[in-house]
Every structure is written in C-alpha cells, then in structure tokens.
N, C-alpha and C. Protein backbone atom coordinates (compact mmCIF):
# COMPACT_ATOMS: atom_id res chain seq x y z
N MET A 1 -36.05 26.02 58.49
CA MET A 1 -34.65 25.76 58.73
C MET A 1 -34.01 27.05 59.20
N GLY A 2 -33.20 26.96 60.21
CA GLY A 2 -32.54 28.13 60.76
C GLY A 2 -31.35 28.57 59.92
N ILE A 3 -30.73 29.62 60.36
CA ILE A 3 -29.60 30.19 59.63
C ILE A 3 -28.41 29.23 59.63
N ILE A 4 -28.19 28.50 60.73
CA ILE A 4 -27.08 27.55 60.79
C ILE A 4 -27.30 26.41 59.79
N GLY A 5 -28.51 25.92 59.70
CA GLY A 5 -28.84 24.87 58.74
C GLY A 5 -28.66 25.36 57.30
N THR A 6 -29.07 26.60 57.04
CA THR A 6 -28.91 27.18 55.71
C THR A 6 -27.44 27.29 55.34
N ILE A 7 -26.61 27.71 56.28
CA ILE A 7 -25.18 27.83 56.03
C ILE A 7 -24.55 26.46 55.78
N LEU A 8 -24.94 25.47 56.57
CA LEU A 8 -24.38 24.12 56.39
C LEU A 8 -24.78 23.51 55.04
N ILE A 9 -26.04 23.65 54.68
CA ILE A 9 -26.49 23.14 53.38
C ILE A 9 -25.83 23.92 52.25
N GLY A 10 -25.71 25.23 52.41
CA GLY A 10 -25.03 26.05 51.41
C GLY A 10 -23.59 25.64 51.23
N PHE A 11 -22.90 25.35 52.33
CA PHE A 11 -21.52 24.90 52.25
C PHE A 11 -21.43 23.57 51.51
N LEU A 12 -22.30 22.64 51.86
CA LEU A 12 -22.28 21.32 51.22
C LEU A 12 -22.57 21.43 49.72
N VAL A 13 -23.57 22.21 49.36
CA VAL A 13 -23.91 22.41 47.95
C VAL A 13 -22.75 23.10 47.22
N GLY A 14 -22.13 24.09 47.84
CA GLY A 14 -21.01 24.78 47.23
C GLY A 14 -19.82 23.87 47.00
N VAL A 15 -19.51 23.01 47.95
CA VAL A 15 -18.40 22.07 47.80
C VAL A 15 -18.69 21.08 46.67
N ILE A 16 -19.89 20.57 46.60
CA ILE A 16 -20.25 19.64 45.54
C ILE A 16 -20.17 20.32 44.18
N ALA A 17 -20.65 21.56 44.09
CA ALA A 17 -20.59 22.29 42.82
C ALA A 17 -19.15 22.53 42.38
N ARG A 18 -18.28 22.87 43.32
CA ARG A 18 -16.87 23.07 42.99
C ARG A 18 -16.22 21.77 42.56
N PHE A 19 -16.66 20.66 43.13
CA PHE A 19 -16.13 19.36 42.75
C PHE A 19 -16.59 18.96 41.34
N LEU A 20 -17.85 19.28 41.00
CA LEU A 20 -18.41 18.89 39.71
C LEU A 20 -17.91 19.73 38.55
N LYS A 21 -17.60 21.00 38.80
CA LYS A 21 -17.13 21.87 37.72
C LYS A 21 -15.61 21.82 37.68
N PRO A 22 -15.05 21.36 36.55
CA PRO A 22 -13.59 21.27 36.46
C PRO A 22 -12.94 22.64 36.38
N GLY A 23 -11.68 22.69 36.72
CA GLY A 23 -10.93 23.94 36.65
C GLY A 23 -10.60 24.46 38.03
N ASP A 24 -9.81 25.52 38.05
CA ASP A 24 -9.37 26.12 39.30
C ASP A 24 -10.35 27.21 39.71
N GLN A 25 -10.87 27.10 40.92
CA GLN A 25 -11.76 28.11 41.46
C GLN A 25 -11.12 28.69 42.72
N PRO A 26 -10.38 29.80 42.57
CA PRO A 26 -9.70 30.37 43.74
C PRO A 26 -10.65 31.17 44.62
N MET A 27 -11.33 30.48 45.52
CA MET A 27 -12.23 31.14 46.46
C MET A 27 -12.15 30.45 47.79
N GLY A 28 -12.44 31.18 48.84
CA GLY A 28 -12.36 30.64 50.18
C GLY A 28 -13.67 30.01 50.63
N TRP A 29 -13.72 29.71 51.92
CA TRP A 29 -14.89 29.04 52.49
C TRP A 29 -16.13 29.92 52.45
N ILE A 30 -15.97 31.21 52.70
CA ILE A 30 -17.13 32.11 52.70
C ILE A 30 -17.77 32.15 51.32
N MET A 31 -16.94 32.28 50.29
CA MET A 31 -17.47 32.31 48.92
C MET A 31 -18.11 30.98 48.54
N THR A 32 -17.56 29.87 49.04
CA THR A 32 -18.15 28.56 48.78
C THR A 32 -19.55 28.47 49.39
N ILE A 33 -19.69 28.95 50.61
CA ILE A 33 -21.00 28.95 51.27
C ILE A 33 -21.98 29.85 50.51
N LEU A 34 -21.52 31.05 50.15
CA LEU A 34 -22.40 31.96 49.41
C LEU A 34 -22.77 31.38 48.04
N LEU A 35 -21.85 30.67 47.42
CA LEU A 35 -22.13 30.01 46.16
C LEU A 35 -23.25 28.99 46.32
N GLY A 36 -23.18 28.18 47.36
CA GLY A 36 -24.22 27.18 47.60
C GLY A 36 -25.57 27.79 47.91
N ILE A 37 -25.58 28.82 48.73
CA ILE A 37 -26.84 29.50 49.07
C ILE A 37 -27.41 30.17 47.83
N GLY A 38 -26.54 30.83 47.06
CA GLY A 38 -26.99 31.47 45.81
C GLY A 38 -27.52 30.46 44.82
N GLY A 39 -26.88 29.29 44.74
CA GLY A 39 -27.36 28.24 43.84
C GLY A 39 -28.74 27.74 44.23
N SER A 40 -28.97 27.63 45.52
CA SER A 40 -30.28 27.22 46.00
C SER A 40 -31.34 28.26 45.66
N LEU A 41 -31.00 29.53 45.85
CA LEU A 41 -31.94 30.61 45.52
C LEU A 41 -32.21 30.64 44.01
N LEU A 42 -31.16 30.50 43.22
CA LEU A 42 -31.32 30.49 41.76
C LEU A 42 -32.22 29.34 41.32
N ALA A 43 -31.99 28.17 41.88
CA ALA A 43 -32.81 27.01 41.51
C ALA A 43 -34.26 27.19 41.95
N THR A 44 -34.47 27.74 43.13
CA THR A 44 -35.83 27.92 43.65
C THR A 44 -36.60 28.92 42.80
N TYR A 45 -36.05 30.13 42.63
CA TYR A 45 -36.79 31.16 41.91
C TYR A 45 -36.80 30.91 40.40
N GLY A 46 -35.73 30.34 39.87
CA GLY A 46 -35.72 29.97 38.45
C GLY A 46 -36.73 28.87 38.17
N GLY A 47 -36.81 27.91 39.07
CA GLY A 47 -37.79 26.83 38.92
C GLY A 47 -39.22 27.33 39.04
N GLN A 48 -39.44 28.30 39.91
CA GLN A 48 -40.78 28.88 40.02
C GLN A 48 -41.14 29.66 38.77
N ALA A 49 -40.15 30.37 38.19
CA ALA A 49 -40.42 31.13 36.97
C ALA A 49 -40.72 30.20 35.79
N LEU A 50 -40.09 29.04 35.78
CA LEU A 50 -40.32 28.07 34.70
C LEU A 50 -41.52 27.16 34.96
N GLY A 51 -42.10 27.27 36.14
CA GLY A 51 -43.27 26.46 36.47
C GLY A 51 -42.92 25.08 37.01
N ILE A 52 -41.66 24.86 37.38
CA ILE A 52 -41.25 23.56 37.93
C ILE A 52 -41.68 23.45 39.39
N TYR A 53 -41.55 24.55 40.13
CA TYR A 53 -41.93 24.59 41.54
C TYR A 53 -43.07 25.58 41.72
N ARG A 54 -43.89 25.32 42.75
CA ARG A 54 -44.94 26.27 43.10
C ARG A 54 -44.39 27.33 44.05
N ALA A 55 -45.11 28.42 44.19
CA ALA A 55 -44.70 29.47 45.12
C ALA A 55 -44.62 28.90 46.53
N GLY A 56 -43.56 29.18 47.24
CA GLY A 56 -43.37 28.67 48.59
C GLY A 56 -42.70 27.33 48.65
N GLN A 57 -42.50 26.70 47.51
CA GLN A 57 -41.85 25.40 47.46
C GLN A 57 -40.40 25.60 47.04
N GLY A 58 -39.48 25.09 47.83
CA GLY A 58 -38.06 25.26 47.54
C GLY A 58 -37.55 24.20 46.58
N ALA A 59 -36.42 24.51 45.98
CA ALA A 59 -35.77 23.55 45.09
C ALA A 59 -35.18 22.42 45.91
N GLY A 60 -35.05 21.28 45.31
CA GLY A 60 -34.42 20.15 45.97
C GLY A 60 -32.91 20.30 45.99
N PHE A 61 -32.26 19.33 46.59
CA PHE A 61 -30.82 19.36 46.73
C PHE A 61 -30.13 19.34 45.37
N ILE A 62 -30.60 18.53 44.45
CA ILE A 62 -30.00 18.45 43.12
C ILE A 62 -30.20 19.76 42.38
N GLY A 63 -31.35 20.36 42.49
CA GLY A 63 -31.60 21.65 41.87
C GLY A 63 -30.66 22.72 42.42
N ALA A 64 -30.41 22.68 43.73
CA ALA A 64 -29.50 23.65 44.35
C ALA A 64 -28.08 23.46 43.82
N VAL A 65 -27.67 22.22 43.64
CA VAL A 65 -26.33 21.95 43.11
C VAL A 65 -26.24 22.45 41.67
N VAL A 66 -27.26 22.21 40.86
CA VAL A 66 -27.26 22.70 39.48
C VAL A 66 -27.19 24.22 39.46
N GLY A 67 -27.96 24.87 40.30
CA GLY A 67 -27.92 26.32 40.39
C GLY A 67 -26.55 26.83 40.81
N ALA A 68 -25.91 26.13 41.75
CA ALA A 68 -24.58 26.53 42.21
C ALA A 68 -23.54 26.35 41.12
N VAL A 69 -23.66 25.29 40.32
CA VAL A 69 -22.73 25.08 39.21
C VAL A 69 -22.90 26.20 38.18
N ILE A 70 -24.11 26.62 37.93
CA ILE A 70 -24.35 27.73 36.99
C ILE A 70 -23.71 29.01 37.52
N ILE A 71 -23.90 29.29 38.80
CA ILE A 71 -23.30 30.49 39.39
C ILE A 71 -21.78 30.38 39.37
N LEU A 72 -21.24 29.20 39.63
CA LEU A 72 -19.79 29.01 39.60
C LEU A 72 -19.24 29.23 38.19
N ALA A 73 -19.95 28.79 37.18
CA ALA A 73 -19.53 29.02 35.80
C ALA A 73 -19.53 30.51 35.47
N ILE A 74 -20.56 31.21 35.91
CA ILE A 74 -20.63 32.66 35.68
C ILE A 74 -19.50 33.36 36.44
N TYR A 75 -19.24 32.94 37.66
CA TYR A 75 -18.16 33.51 38.47
C TYR A 75 -16.80 33.31 37.79
N GLY A 76 -16.57 32.09 37.27
CA GLY A 76 -15.32 31.81 36.57
C GLY A 76 -15.18 32.64 35.31
N PHE A 77 -16.28 32.83 34.58
CA PHE A 77 -16.25 33.66 33.38
C PHE A 77 -15.92 35.11 33.72
N MET A 78 -16.50 35.60 34.78
CA MET A 78 -16.25 36.99 35.19
C MET A 78 -14.81 37.17 35.66
N GLN A 79 -14.26 36.18 36.32
CA GLN A 79 -12.88 36.26 36.79
C GLN A 79 -11.91 36.27 35.61
N ARG A 80 -12.18 35.46 34.58
CA ARG A 80 -11.33 35.43 33.40
C ARG A 80 -11.39 36.75 32.64
N ARG A 81 -12.54 37.35 32.57
CA ARG A 81 -12.69 38.62 31.85
C ARG A 81 -12.00 39.75 32.60
N LYS A 82 -11.90 39.62 33.89
CA LYS A 82 -11.30 40.65 34.74
C LYS A 82 -9.77 40.71 34.56
N VAL A 83 -9.17 39.58 34.32
CA VAL A 83 -7.70 39.49 34.22
C VAL A 83 -7.22 39.91 32.88
C-alpha cells in the first residue's frame, strides 16, 4: 500500500477511534491521521509481541481501531495532566 493509501486508512481509523471514545478531543485533521496510523502500528507490533500476529503480518482494521483508541486515551490523559 502506498503512502496515500496509508494516510487514507489512518484518517478513517482515527475518525472511528474519535467517534468511539467519548469526550472532547481537541485535535485537527493531521493529528487524527497520525492517531490512526499510530493505532495501526501499535496494534501490529503489540499483536506481534503478544503472538497474535506473525512477523510481516499487519493488524486488521479492528485491531488498528483498538490501537488508535488506546493512543487517544493516552493522549487525552496527557492533555489533562498538562493543564
């Protein structure tokens, strides 16, 4: 998958994660895309560390959304601690 496909999937995963996690998340489109891409990476490498996925095998769409929700929760926690 090319960089454009990665960005589009990252955006979609980020939007779904923001929809699933309640509360106010003051971030723009760039952060939403990075959230989705980060969630996919977290799910892929976390799943490989836990033995869910093999090396070279990426996480599925649901795994990417779960990873993005985890990152969004951590981001929200860090924002609250900052204020």
